[in-house]
All heavy atoms as atom14 arrays in JSON, in Angstrom:
{
  "sequence": "PRTLLLVRFPDGTTIYEQKASDTFAASLEKIGLNRVAKLGMKVNKE",
  "atom14_mask": [
    [1, 1, 1, 1, 1, 1, 1, 0, 0, 0, 0, 0, 0, 0],
    [1, 1, 1, 1, 1, 1, 1, 1, 1, 1, 1, 0, 0, 0],
    [1, 1, 1, 1, 1, 1, 1, 0, 0, 0, 0, 0, 0, 0],
    [1, 1, 1, 1, 1, 1, 1, 1, 0, 0, 0, 0, 0, 0],
    [1, 1, 1, 1, 1, 1, 1, 1, 0, 0, 0, 0, 0, 0],
    [1, 1, 1, 1, 1, 1, 1, 1, 0, 0, 0, 0, 0, 0],
    [1, 1, 1, 1, 1, 1, 1, 0, 0, 0, 0, 0, 0, 0],
    [1, 1, 1, 1, 1, 1, 1, 1, 1, 1, 1, 0, 0, 0],
    [1, 1, 1, 1, 1, 1, 1, 1, 1, 1, 1, 0, 0, 0],
    [1, 1, 1, 1, 1, 1, 1, 0, 0, 0, 0, 0, 0, 0],
    [1, 1, 1, 1, 1, 1, 1, 1, 0, 0, 0, 0, 0, 0],
    [1, 1, 1, 1, 0, 0, 0, 0, 0, 0, 0, 0, 0, 0],
    [1, 1, 1, 1, 1, 1, 1, 0, 0, 0, 0, 0, 0, 0],
    [1, 1, 1, 1, 1, 1, 1, 0, 0, 0, 0, 0, 0, 0],
    [1, 1, 1, 1, 1, 1, 1, 1, 0, 0, 0, 0, 0, 0],
    [1, 1, 1, 1, 1, 1, 1, 1, 1, 1, 1, 1, 0, 0],
    [1, 1, 1, 1, 1, 1, 1, 1, 1, 0, 0, 0, 0, 0],
    [1, 1, 1, 1, 1, 1, 1, 1, 1, 0, 0, 0, 0, 0],
    [1, 1, 1, 1, 1, 1, 1, 1, 1, 0, 0, 0, 0, 0],
    [1, 1, 1, 1, 1, 0, 0, 0, 0, 0, 0, 0, 0, 0],
    [1, 1, 1, 1, 1, 1, 0, 0, 0, 0, 0, 0, 0, 0],
    [1, 1, 1, 1, 1, 1, 1, 1, 0, 0, 0, 0, 0, 0],
    [1, 1, 1, 1, 1, 1, 1, 0, 0, 0, 0, 0, 0, 0],
    [1, 1, 1, 1, 1, 1, 1, 1, 1, 1, 1, 0, 0, 0],
    [1, 1, 1, 1, 1, 0, 0, 0, 0, 0, 0, 0, 0, 0],
    [1, 1, 1, 1, 1, 0, 0, 0, 0, 0, 0, 0, 0, 0],
    [1, 1, 1, 1, 1, 1, 0, 0, 0, 0, 0, 0, 0, 0],
    [1, 1, 1, 1, 1, 1, 1, 1, 0, 0, 0, 0, 0, 0],
    [1, 1, 1, 1, 1, 1, 1, 1, 1, 0, 0, 0, 0, 0],
    [1, 1, 1, 1, 1, 1, 1, 1, 1, 0, 0, 0, 0, 0],
    [1, 1, 1, 1, 1, 1, 1, 1, 0, 0, 0, 0, 0, 0],
    [1, 1, 1, 1, 0, 0, 0, 0, 0, 0, 0, 0, 0, 0],
    [1, 1, 1, 1, 1, 1, 1, 1, 0, 0, 0, 0, 0, 0],
    [1, 1, 1, 1, 1, 1, 1, 1, 0, 0, 0, 0, 0, 0],
    [1, 1, 1, 1, 1, 1, 1, 1, 1, 1, 1, 0, 0, 0],
    [1, 1, 1, 1, 1, 1, 1, 0, 0, 0, 0, 0, 0, 0],
    [1, 1, 1, 1, 1, 0, 0, 0, 0, 0, 0, 0, 0, 0],
    [1, 1, 1, 1, 1, 1, 1, 1, 1, 0, 0, 0, 0, 0],
    [1, 1, 1, 1, 1, 1, 1, 1, 0, 0, 0, 0, 0, 0],
    [1, 1, 1, 1, 0, 0, 0, 0, 0, 0, 0, 0, 0, 0],
    [1, 1, 1, 1, 1, 1, 1, 1, 0, 0, 0, 0, 0, 0],
    [1, 1, 1, 1, 1, 1, 1, 1, 1, 0, 0, 0, 0, 0],
    [1, 1, 1, 1, 1, 1, 1, 0, 0, 0, 0, 0, 0, 0],
    [1, 1, 1, 1, 1, 1, 1, 1, 0, 0, 0, 0, 0, 0],
    [1, 1, 1, 1, 1, 1, 1, 1, 1, 0, 0, 0, 0, 0],
    [1, 1, 1, 1, 1, 1, 1, 1, 1, 0, 0, 0, 0, 0]
  ],
  "atom14_positions": [
    [[20.6, 116.91, -2.0], [19.33, 116.63, -1.33], [19.49, 115.41, -0.41], [20.24, 114.49, -0.7], [18.38, 116.3, -2.48], [19.0, 116.9, -3.69], [20.48, 116.89, -3.44], [0.0, 0.0, 0.0], [0.0, 0.0, 0.0], [0.0, 0.0, 0.0], [0.0, 0.0, 0.0], [0.0, 0.0, 0.0], [0.0, 0.0, 0.0], [0.0, 0.0, 0.0]],
    [[18.76, 115.43, 0.68], [18.86, 114.38, 1.68], [18.38, 113.04, 1.13], [17.33, 112.96, 0.48], [18.04, 114.78, 2.89], [18.11, 113.79, 4.0], [17.33, 114.27, 5.18], [17.21, 113.16, 6.11], [16.69, 113.26, 7.28], [16.21, 114.41, 7.69], [16.61, 112.22, 8.07], [0.0, 0.0, 0.0], [0.0, 0.0, 0.0], [0.0, 0.0, 0.0]],
    [[19.15, 112.01, 1.4], [18.77, 110.66, 1.02], [18.89, 109.75, 2.25], [19.66, 110.04, 3.16], [19.63, 110.1, -0.12], [21.01, 110.19, 0.25], [19.4, 110.87, -1.41], [0.0, 0.0, 0.0], [0.0, 0.0, 0.0], [0.0, 0.0, 0.0], [0.0, 0.0, 0.0], [0.0, 0.0, 0.0], [0.0, 0.0, 0.0], [0.0, 0.0, 0.0]],
    [[18.14, 108.68, 2.24], [18.12, 107.74, 3.35], [18.4, 106.34, 2.83], [18.39, 106.1, 1.62], [16.75, 107.76, 4.04], [16.28, 109.1, 4.58], [14.85, 109.02, 5.08], [17.21, 109.58, 5.69], [0.0, 0.0, 0.0], [0.0, 0.0, 0.0], [0.0, 0.0, 0.0], [0.0, 0.0, 0.0], [0.0, 0.0, 0.0], [0.0, 0.0, 0.0]],
    [[18.64, 105.43, 3.76], [18.86, 104.03, 3.4], [17.67, 103.19, 3.87], [17.1, 103.44, 4.93], [20.12, 103.49, 4.08], [21.46, 103.93, 3.53], [22.59, 103.43, 4.43], [21.64, 103.43, 2.11], [0.0, 0.0, 0.0], [0.0, 0.0, 0.0], [0.0, 0.0, 0.0], [0.0, 0.0, 0.0], [0.0, 0.0, 0.0], [0.0, 0.0, 0.0]],
    [[17.35, 102.19, 3.08], [16.36, 101.19, 3.43], [17.06, 99.84, 3.29], [17.54, 99.5, 2.2], [15.15, 101.28, 2.49], [14.08, 100.21, 2.66], [13.36, 100.4, 3.99], [13.09, 100.27, 1.51], [0.0, 0.0, 0.0], [0.0, 0.0, 0.0], [0.0, 0.0, 0.0], [0.0, 0.0, 0.0], [0.0, 0.0, 0.0], [0.0, 0.0, 0.0]],
    [[17.15, 99.1, 4.39], [17.88, 97.84, 4.39], [16.94, 96.7, 4.78], [16.28, 96.77, 5.83], [19.08, 97.89, 5.37], [19.84, 96.57, 5.34], [20.01, 99.05, 5.02], [0.0, 0.0, 0.0], [0.0, 0.0, 0.0], [0.0, 0.0, 0.0], [0.0, 0.0, 0.0], [0.0, 0.0, 0.0], [0.0, 0.0, 0.0], [0.0, 0.0, 0.0]],
    [[16.88, 95.67, 3.91], [16.06, 94.49, 4.19], [16.97, 93.28, 4.35], [17.84, 93.02, 3.51], [15.08, 94.24, 3.05], [13.96, 95.24, 3.02], [12.77, 94.74, 2.2], [11.67, 95.68, 2.29], [11.45, 96.65, 1.41], [12.22, 96.8, 0.37], [10.43, 97.47, 1.59], [0.0, 0.0, 0.0], [0.0, 0.0, 0.0], [0.0, 0.0, 0.0]],
    [[16.73, 92.54, 5.42], [17.47, 91.31, 5.7], [16.64, 90.12, 5.21], [15.41, 90.2, 5.13], [17.71, 91.18, 7.21], [18.78, 92.09, 7.73], [18.52, 93.43, 7.96], [20.06, 91.6, 7.99], [19.5, 94.27, 8.43], [21.05, 92.44, 8.46], [20.78, 93.78, 8.69], [0.0, 0.0, 0.0], [0.0, 0.0, 0.0], [0.0, 0.0, 0.0]],
    [[17.29, 89.0, 4.9], [16.57, 87.81, 4.41], [15.5, 87.3, 5.39], [14.52, 86.69, 4.97], [17.66, 86.76, 4.22], [18.91, 87.56, 4.02], [18.74, 88.79, 4.86], [0.0, 0.0, 0.0], [0.0, 0.0, 0.0], [0.0, 0.0, 0.0], [0.0, 0.0, 0.0], [0.0, 0.0, 0.0], [0.0, 0.0, 0.0], [0.0, 0.0, 0.0]],
    [[15.66, 87.57, 6.7], [14.68, 87.1, 7.68], [13.44, 88.0, 7.74], [12.54, 87.79, 8.55], [15.31, 86.98, 9.07], [15.69, 88.33, 9.68], [15.46, 89.4, 9.06], [16.23, 88.33, 10.81], [0.0, 0.0, 0.0], [0.0, 0.0, 0.0], [0.0, 0.0, 0.0], [0.0, 0.0, 0.0], [0.0, 0.0, 0.0], [0.0, 0.0, 0.0]],
    [[13.38, 89.03, 6.86], [12.23, 89.93, 6.82], [12.42, 91.22, 7.6], [11.61, 92.14, 7.48], [0.0, 0.0, 0.0], [0.0, 0.0, 0.0], [0.0, 0.0, 0.0], [0.0, 0.0, 0.0], [0.0, 0.0, 0.0], [0.0, 0.0, 0.0], [0.0, 0.0, 0.0], [0.0, 0.0, 0.0], [0.0, 0.0, 0.0], [0.0, 0.0, 0.0]],
    [[13.47, 91.32, 8.39], [13.74, 92.54, 9.15], [14.03, 93.68, 8.19], [14.81, 93.52, 7.24], [14.95, 92.36, 10.09], [14.68, 91.28, 10.98], [15.24, 93.63, 10.87], [0.0, 0.0, 0.0], [0.0, 0.0, 0.0], [0.0, 0.0, 0.0], [0.0, 0.0, 0.0], [0.0, 0.0, 0.0], [0.0, 0.0, 0.0], [0.0, 0.0, 0.0]],
    [[13.4, 94.82, 8.42], [13.65, 96.02, 7.64], [14.17, 97.1, 8.58], [13.58, 97.33, 9.64], [12.38, 96.51, 6.94], [11.93, 95.5, 6.05], [12.64, 97.79, 6.15], [0.0, 0.0, 0.0], [0.0, 0.0, 0.0], [0.0, 0.0, 0.0], [0.0, 0.0, 0.0], [0.0, 0.0, 0.0], [0.0, 0.0, 0.0], [0.0, 0.0, 0.0]],
    [[15.26, 97.74, 8.2], [15.8, 98.85, 8.98], [15.73, 100.1, 8.12], [16.26, 100.14, 7.01], [17.25, 98.57, 9.45], [17.28, 97.31, 10.32], [17.81, 99.78, 10.2], [18.65, 96.9, 10.78], [0.0, 0.0, 0.0], [0.0, 0.0, 0.0], [0.0, 0.0, 0.0], [0.0, 0.0, 0.0], [0.0, 0.0, 0.0], [0.0, 0.0, 0.0]],
    [[15.03, 101.12, 8.67], [14.8, 102.36, 7.94], [14.66, 103.46, 8.99], [13.59, 103.67, 9.54], [13.55, 102.24, 7.08], [13.17, 103.48, 6.3], [13.98, 103.95, 5.28], [11.99, 104.15, 6.57], [13.63, 105.07, 4.55], [11.62, 105.28, 5.85], [12.45, 105.74, 4.84], [12.09, 106.85, 4.12], [0.0, 0.0, 0.0], [0.0, 0.0, 0.0]],
    [[15.76, 104.13, 9.28], [15.79, 105.17, 10.31], [15.67, 106.54, 9.67], [15.73, 106.69, 8.45], [17.1, 105.07, 11.11], [17.3, 103.74, 11.8], [16.32, 103.46, 12.93], [15.76, 104.42, 13.48], [16.12, 102.28, 13.25], [0.0, 0.0, 0.0], [0.0, 0.0, 0.0], [0.0, 0.0, 0.0], [0.0, 0.0, 0.0], [0.0, 0.0, 0.0]],
    [[15.56, 107.57, 10.5], [15.4, 108.94, 10.02], [16.69, 109.52, 9.44], [16.64, 110.53, 8.75], [14.91, 109.83, 11.15], [13.58, 109.35, 11.7], [12.57, 110.46, 11.78], [12.89, 111.62, 11.62], [11.34, 110.09, 12.02], [0.0, 0.0, 0.0], [0.0, 0.0, 0.0], [0.0, 0.0, 0.0], [0.0, 0.0, 0.0], [0.0, 0.0, 0.0]],
    [[17.82, 108.88, 9.74], [19.1, 109.3, 9.17], [19.8, 108.08, 8.59], [19.74, 106.99, 9.18], [19.99, 109.95, 10.24], [19.43, 111.24, 10.79], [20.42, 112.03, 11.64], [21.1, 111.24, 12.69], [21.89, 112.04, 13.63], [0.0, 0.0, 0.0], [0.0, 0.0, 0.0], [0.0, 0.0, 0.0], [0.0, 0.0, 0.0], [0.0, 0.0, 0.0]],
    [[20.44, 108.26, 7.45], [21.16, 107.14, 6.81], [22.22, 106.58, 7.73], [22.44, 105.36, 7.78], [21.78, 107.6, 5.48], [0.0, 0.0, 0.0], [0.0, 0.0, 0.0], [0.0, 0.0, 0.0], [0.0, 0.0, 0.0], [0.0, 0.0, 0.0], [0.0, 0.0, 0.0], [0.0, 0.0, 0.0], [0.0, 0.0, 0.0], [0.0, 0.0, 0.0]],
    [[22.87, 107.45, 8.51], [23.92, 106.98, 9.42], [23.35, 106.05, 10.49], [23.99, 105.06, 10.86], [24.64, 108.16, 10.07], [23.74, 108.97, 10.79], [0.0, 0.0, 0.0], [0.0, 0.0, 0.0], [0.0, 0.0, 0.0], [0.0, 0.0, 0.0], [0.0, 0.0, 0.0], [0.0, 0.0, 0.0], [0.0, 0.0, 0.0], [0.0, 0.0, 0.0]],
    [[22.14, 106.33, 10.97], [21.51, 105.46, 11.97], [21.11, 104.12, 11.36], [21.27, 103.06, 11.99], [20.29, 106.15, 12.59], [20.67, 107.33, 13.47], [21.84, 107.41, 13.92], [19.81, 108.2, 13.7], [0.0, 0.0, 0.0], [0.0, 0.0, 0.0], [0.0, 0.0, 0.0], [0.0, 0.0, 0.0], [0.0, 0.0, 0.0], [0.0, 0.0, 0.0]],
    [[20.58, 104.14, 10.14], [20.24, 102.9, 9.45], [21.49, 102.06, 9.23], [21.51, 100.85, 9.45], [19.55, 103.19, 8.09], [18.38, 103.95, 8.32], [19.22, 101.9, 7.35], [0.0, 0.0, 0.0], [0.0, 0.0, 0.0], [0.0, 0.0, 0.0], [0.0, 0.0, 0.0], [0.0, 0.0, 0.0], [0.0, 0.0, 0.0], [0.0, 0.0, 0.0]],
    [[22.56, 102.73, 8.8], [23.84, 102.06, 8.55], [24.34, 101.38, 9.81], [24.65, 100.18, 9.81], [24.84, 103.11, 8.04], [26.19, 102.58, 7.67], [26.36, 101.79, 6.54], [27.3, 102.9, 8.43], [27.61, 101.33, 6.18], [28.55, 102.44, 8.08], [28.71, 101.65, 6.96], [0.0, 0.0, 0.0], [0.0, 0.0, 0.0], [0.0, 0.0, 0.0]],
    [[24.41, 102.13, 10.92], [24.93, 101.6, 12.18], [24.04, 100.46, 12.7], [24.55, 99.43, 13.16], [25.06, 102.71, 13.21], [0.0, 0.0, 0.0], [0.0, 0.0, 0.0], [0.0, 0.0, 0.0], [0.0, 0.0, 0.0], [0.0, 0.0, 0.0], [0.0, 0.0, 0.0], [0.0, 0.0, 0.0], [0.0, 0.0, 0.0], [0.0, 0.0, 0.0]],
    [[22.73, 100.63, 12.63], [21.8, 99.59, 13.1], [21.94, 98.32, 12.26], [21.87, 97.2, 12.79], [20.37, 100.11, 13.07], [0.0, 0.0, 0.0], [0.0, 0.0, 0.0], [0.0, 0.0, 0.0], [0.0, 0.0, 0.0], [0.0, 0.0, 0.0], [0.0, 0.0, 0.0], [0.0, 0.0, 0.0], [0.0, 0.0, 0.0], [0.0, 0.0, 0.0]],
    [[22.14, 98.48, 10.97], [22.31, 97.33, 10.09], [23.59, 96.58, 10.42], [23.6, 95.34, 10.49], [22.32, 97.77, 8.62], [21.1, 98.38, 8.27], [0.0, 0.0, 0.0], [0.0, 0.0, 0.0], [0.0, 0.0, 0.0], [0.0, 0.0, 0.0], [0.0, 0.0, 0.0], [0.0, 0.0, 0.0], [0.0, 0.0, 0.0], [0.0, 0.0, 0.0]],
    [[24.67, 97.32, 10.64], [25.94, 96.67, 11.01], [25.81, 95.97, 12.36], [26.35, 94.88, 12.55], [27.07, 97.69, 11.07], [27.45, 98.36, 9.74], [28.68, 99.24, 9.92], [27.67, 97.35, 8.64], [0.0, 0.0, 0.0], [0.0, 0.0, 0.0], [0.0, 0.0, 0.0], [0.0, 0.0, 0.0], [0.0, 0.0, 0.0], [0.0, 0.0, 0.0]],
    [[25.05, 96.57, 13.27], [24.84, 95.94, 14.58], [24.08, 94.63, 14.42], [24.42, 93.63, 15.05], [24.08, 96.89, 15.5], [23.98, 96.39, 16.93], [23.39, 97.43, 17.86], [22.73, 98.39, 17.4], [23.6, 97.27, 19.08], [0.0, 0.0, 0.0], [0.0, 0.0, 0.0], [0.0, 0.0, 0.0], [0.0, 0.0, 0.0], [0.0, 0.0, 0.0]],
    [[23.05, 94.6, 13.57], [22.3, 93.36, 13.34], [23.18, 92.29, 12.69], [23.1, 91.11, 13.05], [21.06, 93.62, 12.49], [20.27, 92.33, 12.22], [18.89, 92.59, 11.73], [18.16, 91.32, 11.32], [18.12, 90.27, 12.31], [0.0, 0.0, 0.0], [0.0, 0.0, 0.0], [0.0, 0.0, 0.0], [0.0, 0.0, 0.0], [0.0, 0.0, 0.0]],
    [[24.04, 92.7, 11.75], [24.96, 91.76, 11.11], [25.93, 91.2, 12.14], [26.28, 90.03, 12.12], [25.73, 92.45, 9.96], [24.78, 92.78, 8.82], [26.87, 91.57, 9.45], [25.36, 93.73, 7.78], [0.0, 0.0, 0.0], [0.0, 0.0, 0.0], [0.0, 0.0, 0.0], [0.0, 0.0, 0.0], [0.0, 0.0, 0.0], [0.0, 0.0, 0.0]],
    [[26.36, 92.07, 13.05], [27.34, 91.7, 14.07], [28.56, 92.6, 13.95], [29.35, 92.44, 13.01], [0.0, 0.0, 0.0], [0.0, 0.0, 0.0], [0.0, 0.0, 0.0], [0.0, 0.0, 0.0], [0.0, 0.0, 0.0], [0.0, 0.0, 0.0], [0.0, 0.0, 0.0], [0.0, 0.0, 0.0], [0.0, 0.0, 0.0], [0.0, 0.0, 0.0]],
    [[28.69, 93.53, 14.87], [29.79, 94.5, 14.79], [31.15, 93.82, 14.84], [32.08, 94.23, 14.15], [29.65, 95.54, 15.9], [28.43, 96.45, 15.75], [28.16, 97.23, 17.02], [28.61, 97.38, 14.56], [0.0, 0.0, 0.0], [0.0, 0.0, 0.0], [0.0, 0.0, 0.0], [0.0, 0.0, 0.0], [0.0, 0.0, 0.0], [0.0, 0.0, 0.0]],
    [[31.27, 92.76, 15.61], [32.54, 92.03, 15.68], [32.87, 91.4, 14.33], [34.01, 91.45, 13.87], [32.48, 90.97, 16.78], [33.83, 90.33, 17.02], [34.84, 91.01, 17.06], [33.83, 89.02, 17.18], [0.0, 0.0, 0.0], [0.0, 0.0, 0.0], [0.0, 0.0, 0.0], [0.0, 0.0, 0.0], [0.0, 0.0, 0.0], [0.0, 0.0, 0.0]],
    [[31.86, 90.81, 13.68], [32.07, 90.2, 12.36], [32.53, 91.25, 11.34], [33.44, 91.02, 10.55], [30.79, 89.56, 11.85], [30.35, 88.33, 12.6], [29.02, 87.83, 12.09], [29.17, 87.27, 10.73], [28.16, 87.11, 9.89], [26.93, 87.46, 10.24], [28.37, 86.61, 8.69], [0.0, 0.0, 0.0], [0.0, 0.0, 0.0], [0.0, 0.0, 0.0]],
    [[31.87, 92.42, 11.36], [32.21, 93.48, 10.42], [33.61, 94.03, 10.72], [34.4, 94.27, 9.81], [31.15, 94.61, 10.45], [31.55, 95.76, 9.54], [29.78, 94.06, 10.04], [0.0, 0.0, 0.0], [0.0, 0.0, 0.0], [0.0, 0.0, 0.0], [0.0, 0.0, 0.0], [0.0, 0.0, 0.0], [0.0, 0.0, 0.0], [0.0, 0.0, 0.0]],
    [[33.92, 94.21, 12.0], [35.25, 94.73, 12.38], [36.35, 93.81, 11.86], [37.4, 94.28, 11.41], [35.35, 94.88, 13.9], [0.0, 0.0, 0.0], [0.0, 0.0, 0.0], [0.0, 0.0, 0.0], [0.0, 0.0, 0.0], [0.0, 0.0, 0.0], [0.0, 0.0, 0.0], [0.0, 0.0, 0.0], [0.0, 0.0, 0.0], [0.0, 0.0, 0.0]],
    [[36.12, 92.5, 11.9], [37.13, 91.54, 11.45], [37.43, 91.65, 9.95], [38.47, 91.21, 9.49], [36.69, 90.12, 11.78], [36.81, 89.81, 13.25], [36.35, 88.39, 13.55], [36.44, 88.1, 15.03], [35.94, 86.76, 15.35], [0.0, 0.0, 0.0], [0.0, 0.0, 0.0], [0.0, 0.0, 0.0], [0.0, 0.0, 0.0], [0.0, 0.0, 0.0]],
    [[36.5, 92.26, 9.18], [36.75, 92.44, 7.75], [37.86, 93.46, 7.49], [38.46, 93.47, 6.42], [35.47, 92.89, 7.04], [34.32, 91.88, 7.0], [33.07, 92.52, 6.39], [34.73, 90.63, 6.23], [0.0, 0.0, 0.0], [0.0, 0.0, 0.0], [0.0, 0.0, 0.0], [0.0, 0.0, 0.0], [0.0, 0.0, 0.0], [0.0, 0.0, 0.0]],
    [[38.1, 94.35, 8.46], [39.17, 95.35, 8.32], [38.88, 96.43, 7.29], [39.8, 97.03, 6.75], [0.0, 0.0, 0.0], [0.0, 0.0, 0.0], [0.0, 0.0, 0.0], [0.0, 0.0, 0.0], [0.0, 0.0, 0.0], [0.0, 0.0, 0.0], [0.0, 0.0, 0.0], [0.0, 0.0, 0.0], [0.0, 0.0, 0.0], [0.0, 0.0, 0.0]],
    [[37.61, 96.68, 7.03], [37.26, 97.71, 6.04], [37.59, 99.09, 6.58], [37.5, 99.34, 7.78], [35.78, 97.61, 5.69], [35.45, 96.34, 4.92], [33.68, 96.15, 4.6], [33.38, 97.56, 3.55], [0.0, 0.0, 0.0], [0.0, 0.0, 0.0], [0.0, 0.0, 0.0], [0.0, 0.0, 0.0], [0.0, 0.0, 0.0], [0.0, 0.0, 0.0]],
    [[37.97, 99.99, 5.67], [38.35, 101.35, 6.03], [37.39, 102.35, 5.42], [36.82, 102.13, 4.37], [39.76, 101.67, 5.51], [40.85, 100.73, 5.98], [41.32, 101.11, 7.34], [42.54, 100.27, 7.71], [42.82, 100.35, 9.11], [0.0, 0.0, 0.0], [0.0, 0.0, 0.0], [0.0, 0.0, 0.0], [0.0, 0.0, 0.0], [0.0, 0.0, 0.0]],
    [[37.24, 103.48, 6.11], [36.53, 104.63, 5.58], [37.33, 105.85, 6.02], [37.68, 105.98, 7.18], [35.05, 104.69, 6.04], [34.91, 104.8, 7.54], [34.3, 105.8, 5.35], [0.0, 0.0, 0.0], [0.0, 0.0, 0.0], [0.0, 0.0, 0.0], [0.0, 0.0, 0.0], [0.0, 0.0, 0.0], [0.0, 0.0, 0.0], [0.0, 0.0, 0.0]],
    [[37.68, 106.69, 5.07], [38.51, 107.86, 5.35], [39.77, 107.49, 6.14], [40.14, 108.14, 7.11], [37.7, 108.93, 6.1], [36.56, 109.46, 5.29], [36.69, 109.67, 4.09], [35.42, 109.67, 5.91], [0.0, 0.0, 0.0], [0.0, 0.0, 0.0], [0.0, 0.0, 0.0], [0.0, 0.0, 0.0], [0.0, 0.0, 0.0], [0.0, 0.0, 0.0]],
    [[40.39, 106.38, 5.75], [41.64, 105.88, 6.32], [41.53, 105.42, 7.77], [42.52, 105.28, 8.46], [42.76, 106.91, 6.18], [43.1, 107.24, 4.74], [44.28, 108.14, 4.65], [44.58, 108.43, 3.19], [45.7, 109.31, 3.02], [0.0, 0.0, 0.0], [0.0, 0.0, 0.0], [0.0, 0.0, 0.0], [0.0, 0.0, 0.0], [0.0, 0.0, 0.0]],
    [[40.32, 105.18, 8.24], [40.11, 104.66, 9.58], [39.27, 103.39, 9.49], [38.53, 103.2, 8.52], [39.36, 105.68, 10.46], [40.16, 106.92, 10.73], [39.47, 107.87, 11.7], [38.22, 107.9, 11.75], [40.19, 108.55, 12.42], [0.0, 0.0, 0.0], [0.0, 0.0, 0.0], [0.0, 0.0, 0.0], [0.0, 0.0, 0.0], [0.0, 0.0, 0.0]]
  ]
}
C-alpha cells in the first residue's frame, strides 16, 4: 500500500508532498544537497 513521508524541521518547516520521493528530495534540498553529497551515502550502490 502507498505510503508517504512527513518531514518536520526544527524551524517549523514541514515538507509533505504527494509522493514520498518528492518529499525526500525536497527535504534533502532544504538540508543542502552539497552537504548531503559530502556524506558519501549510497543507495543501490550509487
